[in-house]
PDB file of all heavy atoms in Angstrom:
ATOM      1  N   GLY A   1     143.902  48.101 -90.197  1.00  0.00           N
ATOM      2  CA  GLY A   1     144.697  48.516 -89.051  1.00  0.00           C
ATOM      3  C   GLY A   1     144.053  48.163 -87.729  1.00  0.00           C
ATOM      4  O   GLY A   1     144.667  48.308 -86.671  1.00  0.00           O
ATOM      5  N   THR A   2     142.810  47.699 -87.774  1.00  0.00           N
ATOM      6  CA  THR A   2     142.113  47.240 -86.572  1.00  0.00           C
ATOM      7  C   THR A   2     142.358  45.747 -86.396  1.00  0.00           C
ATOM      8  O   THR A   2     142.906  45.099 -87.291  1.00  0.00           O
ATOM      9  CB  THR A   2     140.602  47.515 -86.698  1.00  0.00           C
ATOM     10  OG1 THR A   2     140.108  46.823 -87.859  1.00  0.00           O
ATOM     11  CG2 THR A   2     140.334  49.004 -86.856  1.00  0.00           C
ATOM     12  N   PRO A   3     141.985  45.171 -85.245  1.00  0.00           N
ATOM     13  CA  PRO A   3     142.234  43.738 -85.050  1.00  0.00           C
ATOM     14  C   PRO A   3     141.691  42.899 -86.196  1.00  0.00           C
ATOM     15  O   PRO A   3     140.518  42.988 -86.551  1.00  0.00           O
ATOM     16  CB  PRO A   3     141.511  43.437 -83.732  1.00  0.00           C
ATOM     17  CG  PRO A   3     141.611  44.724 -82.979  1.00  0.00           C
ATOM     18  CD  PRO A   3     141.448  45.801 -84.018  1.00  0.00           C
ATOM     19  N   LEU A   4     142.559  42.075 -86.767  1.00  0.00           N
ATOM     20  CA  LEU A   4     142.211  41.213 -87.896  1.00  0.00           C
ATOM     21  C   LEU A   4     141.933  39.822 -87.340  1.00  0.00           C
ATOM     22  O   LEU A   4     142.824  39.194 -86.774  1.00  0.00           O
ATOM     23  CB  LEU A   4     143.359  41.194 -88.906  1.00  0.00           C
ATOM     24  CG  LEU A   4     143.084  40.683 -90.326  1.00  0.00           C
ATOM     25  CD1 LEU A   4     144.261  41.044 -91.239  1.00  0.00           C
ATOM     26  CD2 LEU A   4     142.858  39.192 -90.379  1.00  0.00           C
ATOM     27  N   CYS A   5     140.711  39.356 -87.488  1.00  0.00           N
ATOM     28  CA  CYS A   5     140.324  38.054 -86.938  1.00  0.00           C
ATOM     29  C   CYS A   5     140.041  37.077 -88.070  1.00  0.00           C
ATOM     30  O   CYS A   5     139.290  37.399 -88.997  1.00  0.00           O
ATOM     31  CB  CYS A   5     139.087  38.195 -86.046  1.00  0.00           C
ATOM     32  SG  CYS A   5     138.509  36.635 -85.345  1.00  0.00           S
ATOM     33  N   MET A   6     140.657  35.906 -87.999  1.00  0.00           N
ATOM     34  CA  MET A   6     140.416  34.838 -88.965  1.00  0.00           C
ATOM     35  C   MET A   6     139.996  33.581 -88.218  1.00  0.00           C
ATOM     36  O   MET A   6     140.572  33.258 -87.173  1.00  0.00           O
ATOM     37  CB  MET A   6     141.672  34.571 -89.798  1.00  0.00           C
ATOM     38  CG  MET A   6     142.045  35.714 -90.717  1.00  0.00           C
ATOM     39  SD  MET A   6     143.470  35.335 -91.778  1.00  0.00           S
ATOM     40  CE  MET A   6     144.799  35.419 -90.586  1.00  0.00           C
ATOM     41  N   MET A   7     139.030  32.858 -88.775  1.00  0.00           N
ATOM     42  CA  MET A   7     138.519  31.641 -88.141  1.00  0.00           C
ATOM     43  C   MET A   7     138.546  30.494 -89.138  1.00  0.00           C
ATOM     44  O   MET A   7     138.288  30.685 -90.330  1.00  0.00           O
ATOM     45  CB  MET A   7     137.087  31.857 -87.650  1.00  0.00           C
ATOM     46  CG  MET A   7     136.541  30.706 -86.822  1.00  0.00           C
ATOM     47  SD  MET A   7     134.903  31.090 -86.141  1.00  0.00           S
ATOM     48  CE  MET A   7     133.907  31.054 -87.629  1.00  0.00           C
ATOM     49  N   ILE A   8     138.904  29.301 -88.636  1.00  0.00           N
ATOM     50  CA  ILE A   8     138.978  28.100 -89.459  1.00  0.00           C
ATOM     51  C   ILE A   8     138.095  27.030 -88.817  1.00  0.00           C
ATOM     52  O   ILE A   8     138.408  26.539 -87.726  1.00  0.00           O
ATOM     53  CB  ILE A   8     140.432  27.588 -89.558  1.00  0.00           C
ATOM     54  CG1 ILE A   8     141.361  28.697 -90.027  1.00  0.00           C
ATOM     55  CG2 ILE A   8     140.509  26.368 -90.483  1.00  0.00           C
ATOM     56  CD1 ILE A   8     142.836  28.394 -89.821  1.00  0.00           C
ATOM     57  N   PRO A   9     137.000  26.647 -89.455  1.00  0.00           N
ATOM     58  CA  PRO A   9     136.112  25.634 -88.866  1.00  0.00           C
ATOM     59  C   PRO A   9     136.795  24.261 -88.767  1.00  0.00           C
ATOM     60  O   PRO A   9     137.597  23.891 -89.630  1.00  0.00           O
ATOM     61  CB  PRO A   9     134.935  25.585 -89.852  1.00  0.00           C
ATOM     62  CG  PRO A   9     135.001  26.863 -90.621  1.00  0.00           C
ATOM     63  CD  PRO A   9     136.458  27.193 -90.713  1.00  0.00           C
ATOM     64  N   ASN A  10     136.484  23.537 -87.707  1.00  0.00           N
ATOM     65  CA  ASN A  10     136.874  22.131 -87.594  1.00  0.00           C
ATOM     66  C   ASN A  10     135.722  21.291 -88.140  1.00  0.00           C
ATOM     67  O   ASN A  10     134.594  21.394 -87.644  1.00  0.00           O
ATOM     68  CB  ASN A  10     137.132  21.749 -86.132  1.00  0.00           C
ATOM     69  CG  ASN A  10     138.402  22.369 -85.587  1.00  0.00           C
ATOM     70  OD1 ASN A  10     139.373  22.567 -86.316  1.00  0.00           O
ATOM     71  ND2 ASN A  10     138.403  22.679 -84.295  1.00  0.00           N
ATOM     72  N   GLU A  11     135.977  20.477 -89.140  1.00  0.00           N
ATOM     73  CA  GLU A  11     134.906  19.727 -89.787  1.00  0.00           C
ATOM     74  C   GLU A  11     134.990  18.222 -89.559  1.00  0.00           C
ATOM     75  O   GLU A  11     133.973  17.560 -89.389  1.00  0.00           O
ATOM     76  CB  GLU A  11     134.928  20.018 -91.298  1.00  0.00           C
ATOM     77  CG  GLU A  11     134.667  21.488 -91.632  1.00  0.00           C
ATOM     78  CD  GLU A  11     134.740  21.777 -93.109  1.00  0.00           C
ATOM     79  OE1 GLU A  11     135.497  21.069 -93.811  1.00  0.00           O
ATOM     80  OE2 GLU A  11     134.061  22.710 -93.578  1.00  0.00           O
ATOM     81  N   ASP A  12     136.189  17.661 -89.552  1.00  0.00           N
ATOM     82  CA  ASP A  12     136.345  16.209 -89.459  1.00  0.00           C
ATOM     83  C   ASP A  12     136.804  15.809 -88.065  1.00  0.00           C
ATOM     84  O   ASP A  12     137.898  15.284 -87.878  1.00  0.00           O
ATOM     85  CB  ASP A  12     137.333  15.736 -90.531  1.00  0.00           C
ATOM     86  CG  ASP A  12     137.406  14.210 -90.619  1.00  0.00           C
ATOM     87  OD1 ASP A  12     136.479  13.543 -90.139  1.00  0.00           O
ATOM     88  OD2 ASP A  12     138.410  13.702 -91.162  1.00  0.00           O
ATOM     89  N   THR A  13     135.987  16.091 -87.083  1.00  0.00           N
ATOM     90  CA  THR A  13     136.348  15.770 -85.694  1.00  0.00           C
ATOM     91  C   THR A  13     135.818  14.390 -85.307  1.00  0.00           C
ATOM     92  O   THR A  13     134.725  13.993 -85.719  1.00  0.00           O
ATOM     93  CB  THR A  13     135.774  16.814 -84.725  1.00  0.00           C
ATOM     94  OG1 THR A  13     134.354  16.844 -84.864  1.00  0.00           O
ATOM     95  CG2 THR A  13     136.341  18.199 -85.016  1.00  0.00           C
ATOM     96  N   ARG A  14     136.610  13.676 -84.522  1.00  0.00           N
ATOM     97  CA  ARG A  14     136.196  12.360 -84.022  1.00  0.00           C
ATOM     98  C   ARG A  14     136.583  12.240 -82.547  1.00  0.00           C
ATOM     99  O   ARG A  14     137.513  11.512 -82.187  1.00  0.00           O
ATOM    100  CB  ARG A  14     136.875  11.241 -84.816  1.00  0.00           C
ATOM    101  CG  ARG A  14     136.469  11.177 -86.289  1.00  0.00           C
ATOM    102  CD  ARG A  14     137.127   9.988 -86.970  1.00  0.00           C
ATOM    103  NE  ARG A  14     136.931   9.988 -88.403  1.00  0.00           N
ATOM    104  CZ  ARG A  14     137.503   9.098 -89.225  1.00  0.00           C
ATOM    105  NH1 ARG A  14     138.294   8.150 -88.726  1.00  0.00           N
ATOM    106  NH2 ARG A  14     137.283   9.167 -90.525  1.00  0.00           N
ATOM    107  N   PRO A  15     135.912  12.965 -81.675  1.00  0.00           N
ATOM    108  CA  PRO A  15     136.277  12.931 -80.254  1.00  0.00           C
ATOM    109  C   PRO A  15     136.180  11.539 -79.646  1.00  0.00           C
ATOM    110  O   PRO A  15     136.850  11.238 -78.653  1.00  0.00           O
ATOM    111  CB  PRO A  15     135.275  13.902 -79.618  1.00  0.00           C
ATOM    112  CG  PRO A  15     134.146  13.995 -80.594  1.00  0.00           C
ATOM    113  CD  PRO A  15     134.763  13.838 -81.943  1.00  0.00           C
ATOM    114  N   GLN A  16     135.375  10.652 -80.254  1.00  0.00           N
ATOM    115  CA  GLN A  16     135.233   9.289 -79.710  1.00  0.00           C
ATOM    116  C   GLN A  16     136.537   8.500 -79.787  1.00  0.00           C
ATOM    117  O   GLN A  16     136.722   7.512 -79.064  1.00  0.00           O
ATOM    118  CB  GLN A  16     134.124   8.528 -80.449  1.00  0.00           C
ATOM    119  CG  GLN A  16     134.390   8.227 -81.913  1.00  0.00           C
ATOM    120  CD  GLN A  16     133.997   9.359 -82.855  1.00  0.00           C
ATOM    121  OE1 GLN A  16     133.731  10.479 -82.398  1.00  0.00           O
ATOM    122  NE2 GLN A  16     133.950   9.084 -84.141  1.00  0.00           N
ATOM    123  N   ASP A  17     137.457   8.919 -80.660  1.00  0.00           N
ATOM    124  CA  ASP A  17     138.741   8.226 -80.777  1.00  0.00           C
ATOM    125  C   ASP A  17     139.603   8.408 -79.527  1.00  0.00           C
ATOM    126  O   ASP A  17     140.617   7.722 -79.374  1.00  0.00           O
ATOM    127  CB  ASP A  17     139.517   8.737 -81.990  1.00  0.00           C
ATOM    128  CG  ASP A  17     138.940   8.230 -83.319  1.00  0.00           C
ATOM    129  OD1 ASP A  17     138.129   7.285 -83.277  1.00  0.00           O
ATOM    130  OD2 ASP A  17     139.306   8.774 -84.368  1.00  0.00           O
ATOM    131  N   TYR A  18     139.212   9.321 -78.652  1.00  0.00           N
ATOM    132  CA  TYR A  18     140.073   9.667 -77.525  1.00  0.00           C
ATOM    133  C   TYR A  18     139.483   9.318 -76.172  1.00  0.00           C
ATOM    134  O   TYR A  18     140.016   9.723 -75.141  1.00  0.00           O
ATOM    135  CB  TYR A  18     140.397  11.172 -77.578  1.00  0.00           C
ATOM    136  CG  TYR A  18     141.119  11.571 -78.848  1.00  0.00           C
ATOM    137  CD1 TYR A  18     140.419  12.011 -79.959  1.00  0.00           C
ATOM    138  CD2 TYR A  18     142.510  11.469 -78.938  1.00  0.00           C
ATOM    139  CE1 TYR A  18     141.073  12.363 -81.135  1.00  0.00           C
ATOM    140  CE2 TYR A  18     143.164  11.812 -80.102  1.00  0.00           C
ATOM    141  CZ  TYR A  18     142.447  12.257 -81.202  1.00  0.00           C
ATOM    142  OH  TYR A  18     143.104  12.592 -82.361  1.00  0.00           O
ATOM    143  N   THR A  19     138.385   8.552 -76.157  1.00  0.00           N
ATOM    144  CA  THR A  19     137.746   8.235 -74.881  1.00  0.00           C
ATOM    145  C   THR A  19     138.656   7.418 -73.967  1.00  0.00           C
ATOM    146  O   THR A  19     138.582   7.526 -72.743  1.00  0.00           O
ATOM    147  CB  THR A  19     136.426   7.470 -75.118  1.00  0.00           C
ATOM    148  OG1 THR A  19     136.676   6.339 -75.976  1.00  0.00           O
ATOM    149  CG2 THR A  19     135.399   8.373 -75.793  1.00  0.00           C
ATOM    150  N   GLU A  20     139.533   6.590 -74.578  1.00  0.00           N
ATOM    151  CA  GLU A  20     140.414   5.743 -73.763  1.00  0.00           C
ATOM    152  C   GLU A  20     141.446   6.561 -72.988  1.00  0.00           C
ATOM    153  O   GLU A  20     141.983   6.085 -71.984  1.00  0.00           O
ATOM    154  CB  GLU A  20     141.130   4.718 -74.653  1.00  0.00           C
ATOM    155  CG  GLU A  20     140.225   3.599 -75.144  1.00  0.00           C
ATOM    156  CD  GLU A  20     141.017   2.495 -75.825  1.00  0.00           C
ATOM    157  OE1 GLU A  20     142.252   2.490 -75.703  1.00  0.00           O
ATOM    158  OE2 GLU A  20     140.396   1.638 -76.474  1.00  0.00           O
ATOM    159  N   ILE A  21     141.754   7.767 -73.460  1.00  0.00           N
ATOM    160  CA  ILE A  21     142.776   8.558 -72.768  1.00  0.00           C
ATOM    161  C   ILE A  21     142.148   9.569 -71.810  1.00  0.00           C
ATOM    162  O   ILE A  21     142.836  10.457 -71.314  1.00  0.00           O
ATOM    163  CB  ILE A  21     143.705   9.283 -73.763  1.00  0.00           C
ATOM    164  CG1 ILE A  21     142.912  10.334 -74.556  1.00  0.00           C
ATOM    165  CG2 ILE A  21     144.380   8.306 -74.691  1.00  0.00           C
ATOM    166  CD1 ILE A  21     143.809  11.292 -75.318  1.00  0.00           C
ATOM    167  N   LYS A  22     140.858   9.417 -71.566  1.00  0.00           N
ATOM    168  CA  LYS A  22     140.205  10.320 -70.621  1.00  0.00           C
ATOM    169  C   LYS A  22     140.864  10.250 -69.252  1.00  0.00           C
ATOM    170  O   LYS A  22     140.997  11.252 -68.557  1.00  0.00           O
ATOM    171  CB  LYS A  22     138.719   9.970 -70.518  1.00  0.00           C
ATOM    172  CG  LYS A  22     137.921  10.916 -69.637  1.00  0.00           C
ATOM    173  CD  LYS A  22     136.438  10.578 -69.671  1.00  0.00           C
ATOM    174  CE  LYS A  22     135.638  11.554 -68.817  1.00  0.00           C
ATOM    175  NZ  LYS A  22     134.182  11.256 -68.858  1.00  0.00           N
ATOM    176  N   SER A  23     141.289   9.045 -68.875  1.00  0.00           N
ATOM    177  CA  SER A  23     141.935   8.891 -67.570  1.00  0.00           C
ATOM    178  C   SER A  23     143.365   8.386 -67.673  1.00  0.00           C
ATOM    179  O   SER A  23     144.140   8.517 -66.727  1.00  0.00           O
ATOM    180  CB  SER A  23     141.118   7.932 -66.691  1.00  0.00           C
ATOM    181  OG  SER A  23     141.002   6.662 -67.316  1.00  0.00           O
ATOM    182  N   ALA A  24     143.749   7.809 -68.828  1.00  0.00           N
ATOM    183  CA  ALA A  24     145.113   7.295 -68.991  1.00  0.00           C
ATOM    184  C   ALA A  24     145.979   8.342 -69.692  1.00  0.00           C
ATOM    185  O   ALA A  24     145.511   9.080 -70.552  1.00  0.00           O
ATOM    186  CB  ALA A  24     145.103   6.001 -69.800  1.00  0.00           C
ATOM    187  N   TYR A  25     147.240   8.410 -69.306  1.00  0.00           N
ATOM    188  CA  TYR A  25     148.149   9.410 -69.858  1.00  0.00           C
ATOM    189  C   TYR A  25     148.948   8.846 -71.030  1.00  0.00           C
ATOM    190  O   TYR A  25     149.645   7.843 -70.898  1.00  0.00           O
ATOM    191  CB  TYR A  25     149.111   9.896 -68.774  1.00  0.00           C
ATOM    192  CG  TYR A  25     148.431  10.614 -67.634  1.00  0.00           C
ATOM    193  CD1 TYR A  25     148.738  10.299 -66.314  1.00  0.00           C
ATOM    194  CD2 TYR A  25     147.486  11.601 -67.881  1.00  0.00           C
ATOM    195  CE1 TYR A  25     148.124  10.968 -65.260  1.00  0.00           C
ATOM    196  CE2 TYR A  25     146.869  12.274 -66.845  1.00  0.00           C
ATOM    197  CZ  TYR A  25     147.190  11.959 -65.537  1.00  0.00           C
ATOM    198  OH  TYR A  25     146.582  12.619 -64.493  1.00  0.00           O
ATOM    199  N   ARG A  26     148.869   9.502 -72.170  1.00  0.00           N
ATOM    200  CA  ARG A  26     149.654   9.097 -73.337  1.00  0.00           C
ATOM    201  C   ARG A  26     151.123   9.437 -73.119  1.00  0.00           C
ATOM    202  O   ARG A  26     151.449  10.575 -72.738  1.00  0.00           O
ATOM    203  CB  ARG A  26     149.143   9.800 -74.598  1.00  0.00           C
ATOM    204  CG  ARG A  26     147.741   9.423 -75.020  1.00  0.00           C
ATOM    205  CD  ARG A  26     147.246  10.326 -76.150  1.00  0.00           C
ATOM    206  NE  ARG A  26     147.139  11.718 -75.709  1.00  0.00           N
ATOM    207  CZ  ARG A  26     146.840  12.735 -76.516  1.00  0.00           C
ATOM    208  NH1 ARG A  26     146.632  12.517 -77.800  1.00  0.00           N
ATOM    209  NH2 ARG A  26     146.760  13.962 -76.036  1.00  0.00           N
ATOM    210  N   PRO A  27     152.035   8.504 -73.344  1.00  0.00           N
ATOM    211  CA  PRO A  27     153.465   8.796 -73.185  1.00  0.00           C
ATOM    212  C   PRO A  27     153.905   9.973 -74.052  1.00  0.00           C
ATOM    213  O   PRO A  27     153.524  10.082 -75.223  1.00  0.00           O
ATOM    214  CB  PRO A  27     154.141   7.495 -73.636  1.00  0.00           C
ATOM    215  CG  PRO A  27     153.122   6.435 -73.371  1.00  0.00           C
ATOM    216  CD  PRO A  27     151.799   7.087 -73.675  1.00  0.00           C
ATOM    217  N   SER A  28     154.686  10.878 -73.451  1.00  0.00           N
ATOM    218  CA  SER A  28     155.292  12.028 -74.128  1.00  0.00           C
ATOM    219  C   SER A  28     154.296  13.051 -74.660  1.00  0.00           C
ATOM    220  O   SER A  28     154.651  13.897 -75.478  1.00  0.00           O
ATOM    221  CB  SER A  28     156.229  11.569 -75.255  1.00  0.00           C
ATOM    222  OG  SER A  28     157.385  10.958 -74.724  1.00  0.00           O
ATOM    223  N   HIS A  29     153.041  12.986 -74.206  1.00  0.00           N
ATOM    224  CA  HIS A  29     152.062  14.017 -74.534  1.00  0.00           C
ATOM    225  C   HIS A  29     151.901  14.974 -73.356  1.00  0.00           C
ATOM    226  O   HIS A  29     152.538  14.810 -72.318  1.00  0.00           O
ATOM    227  CB  HIS A  29     150.702  13.387 -74.868  1.00  0.00           C
ATOM    228  CG  HIS A  29     150.614  12.803 -76.231  1.00  0.00           C
ATOM    229  ND1 HIS A  29     151.175  11.582 -76.550  1.00  0.00           N
ATOM    230  CD2 HIS A  29     150.036  13.258 -77.371  1.00  0.00           C
ATOM    231  CE1 HIS A  29     150.938  11.315 -77.822  1.00  0.00           C
ATOM    232  NE2 HIS A  29     150.251  12.310 -78.344  1.00  0.00           N
ATOM    233  N   ALA A  30     151.022  15.948 -73.529  1.00  0.00           N
ATOM    234  CA  ALA A  30     150.794  16.943 -72.484  1.00  0.00           C
ATOM    235  C   ALA A  30     149.699  16.536 -71.509  1.00  0.00           C
ATOM    236  O   ALA A  30     149.283  17.345 -70.680  1.00  0.00           O
ATOM    237  CB  ALA A  30     150.430  18.290 -73.120  1.00  0.00           C
ATOM    238  N   ASP A  31     149.221  15.284 -71.608  1.00  0.00           N
ATOM    239  CA  ASP A  31     148.104  14.847 -70.763  1.00  0.00           C
ATOM    240  C   ASP A  31     148.400  15.006 -69.266  1.00  0.00           C
ATOM    241  O   ASP A  31     147.640  15.647 -68.533  1.00  0.00           O
ATOM    242  CB  ASP A  31     147.756  13.390 -71.059  1.00  0.00           C
ATOM    243  CG  ASP A  31     147.354  13.154 -72.502  1.00  0.00           C
ATOM    244  OD1 ASP A  31     147.011  14.129 -73.185  1.00  0.00           O
ATOM    245  OD2 ASP A  31     147.389  11.985 -72.942  1.00  0.00           O
ATOM    246  N   TYR A  32     149.487  14.425 -68.826  1.00  0.00           N
ATOM    247  CA  TYR A  32     149.810  14.472 -67.394  1.00  0.00           C
ATOM    248  C   TYR A  32     150.125  15.902 -66.951  1.00  0.00           C
ATOM    249  O   TYR A  32     149.656  16.355 -65.890  1.00  0.00           O
ATOM    250  CB  TYR A  32     150.997  13.556 -67.074  1.00  0.00           C
ATOM    251  CG  TYR A  32     151.531  13.795 -65.685  1.00  0.00           C
ATOM    252  CD1 TYR A  32     150.797  13.411 -64.565  1.00  0.00           C
ATOM    253  CD2 TYR A  32     152.758  14.445 -65.493  1.00  0.00           C
ATOM    254  CE1 TYR A  32     151.265  13.663 -63.283  1.00  0.00           C
ATOM    255  CE2 TYR A  32     153.234  14.699 -64.218  1.00  0.00           C
ATOM    256  CZ  TYR A  32     152.488  14.312 -63.121  1.00  0.00           C
ATOM    257  OH  TYR A  32     152.944  14.570 -61.860  1.00  0.00           O
ATOM    258  N   THR A  33     150.928  16.624 -67.741  1.00  0.00           N
ATOM    259  CA  THR A  33     151.327  17.965 -67.324  1.00  0.00           C
ATOM    260  C   THR A  33     150.134  18.921 -67.274  1.00  0.00           C
ATOM    261  O   THR A  33     150.073  19.805 -66.415  1.00  0.00           O
ATOM    262  CB  THR A  33     152.420  18.523 -68.255  1.00  0.00           C
ATOM    263  OG1 THR A  33     152.003  18.388 -69.622  1.00  0.00           O
ATOM    264  CG2 THR A  33     153.730  17.777 -68.056  1.00  0.00           C
ATOM    265  N   TYR A  34     149.168  18.738 -68.185  1.00  0.00           N
ATOM    266  CA  TYR A  34     147.943  19.554 -68.136  1.00  0.00           C
ATOM    267  C   TYR A  34     147.196  19.291 -66.827  1.00  0.00           C
ATOM    268  O   TYR A  34     146.753  20.229 -66.154  1.00  0.00           O
ATOM    269  CB  TYR A  34     147.042  19.222 -69.324  1.00  0.00           C
ATOM    270  CG  TYR A  34     146.866  20.357 -70.307  1.00  0.00           C
ATOM    271  CD1 TYR A  34     147.914  20.747 -71.143  1.00  0.00           C
ATOM    272  CD2 TYR A  34     145.658  21.033 -70.413  1.00  0.00           C
ATOM    273  CE1 TYR A  34     147.752  21.774 -72.056  1.00  0.00           C
ATOM    274  CE2 TYR A  34     145.486  22.064 -71.319  1.00  0.00           C
ATOM    275  CZ  TYR A  34     146.544  22.433 -72.145  1.00  0.00           C
ATOM    276  OH  TYR A  34     146.374  23.456 -73.036  1.00  0.00           O
ATOM    277  N   ASP A  35     147.017  18.017 -66.493  1.00  0.00           N
ATOM    278  CA  ASP A  35     146.323  17.684 -65.254  1.00  0.00           C
ATOM    279  C   ASP A  35     147.075  18.220 -64.038  1.00  0.00           C
ATOM    280  O   ASP A  35     146.472  18.712 -63.072  1.00  0.00           O
ATOM    281  CB  ASP A  35     146.152  16.168 -65.135  1.00  0.00           C
ATOM    282  CG  ASP A  35     144.805  15.680 -65.674  1.00  0.00           C
ATOM    283  OD1 ASP A  35     143.953  16.540 -65.977  1.00  0.00           O
ATOM    284  OD2 ASP A  35     144.626  14.463 -65.811  1.00  0.00           O
ATOM    285  N   ALA A  36     148.400  18.124 -64.080  1.00  0.00           N
ATOM    286  CA  ALA A  36     149.204  18.601 -62.959  1.00  0.00           C
ATOM    287  C   ALA A  36     149.064  20.109 -62.785  1.00  0.00           C
ATOM    288  O   ALA A  36     149.058  20.618 -61.657  1.00  0.00           O
ATOM    289  CB  ALA A  36     150.672  18.230 -63.183  1.00  0.00           C
TER     290      ALA A  36
END
């Protein structure tokens, strides 16, 4: 009955795949709206 907390580790991350979009906005993604 108290707060139930569940956590799921991220194991297969590859942040290097996204370096190109650091400054460029992906069409139809939230990139531009987040920055705005």
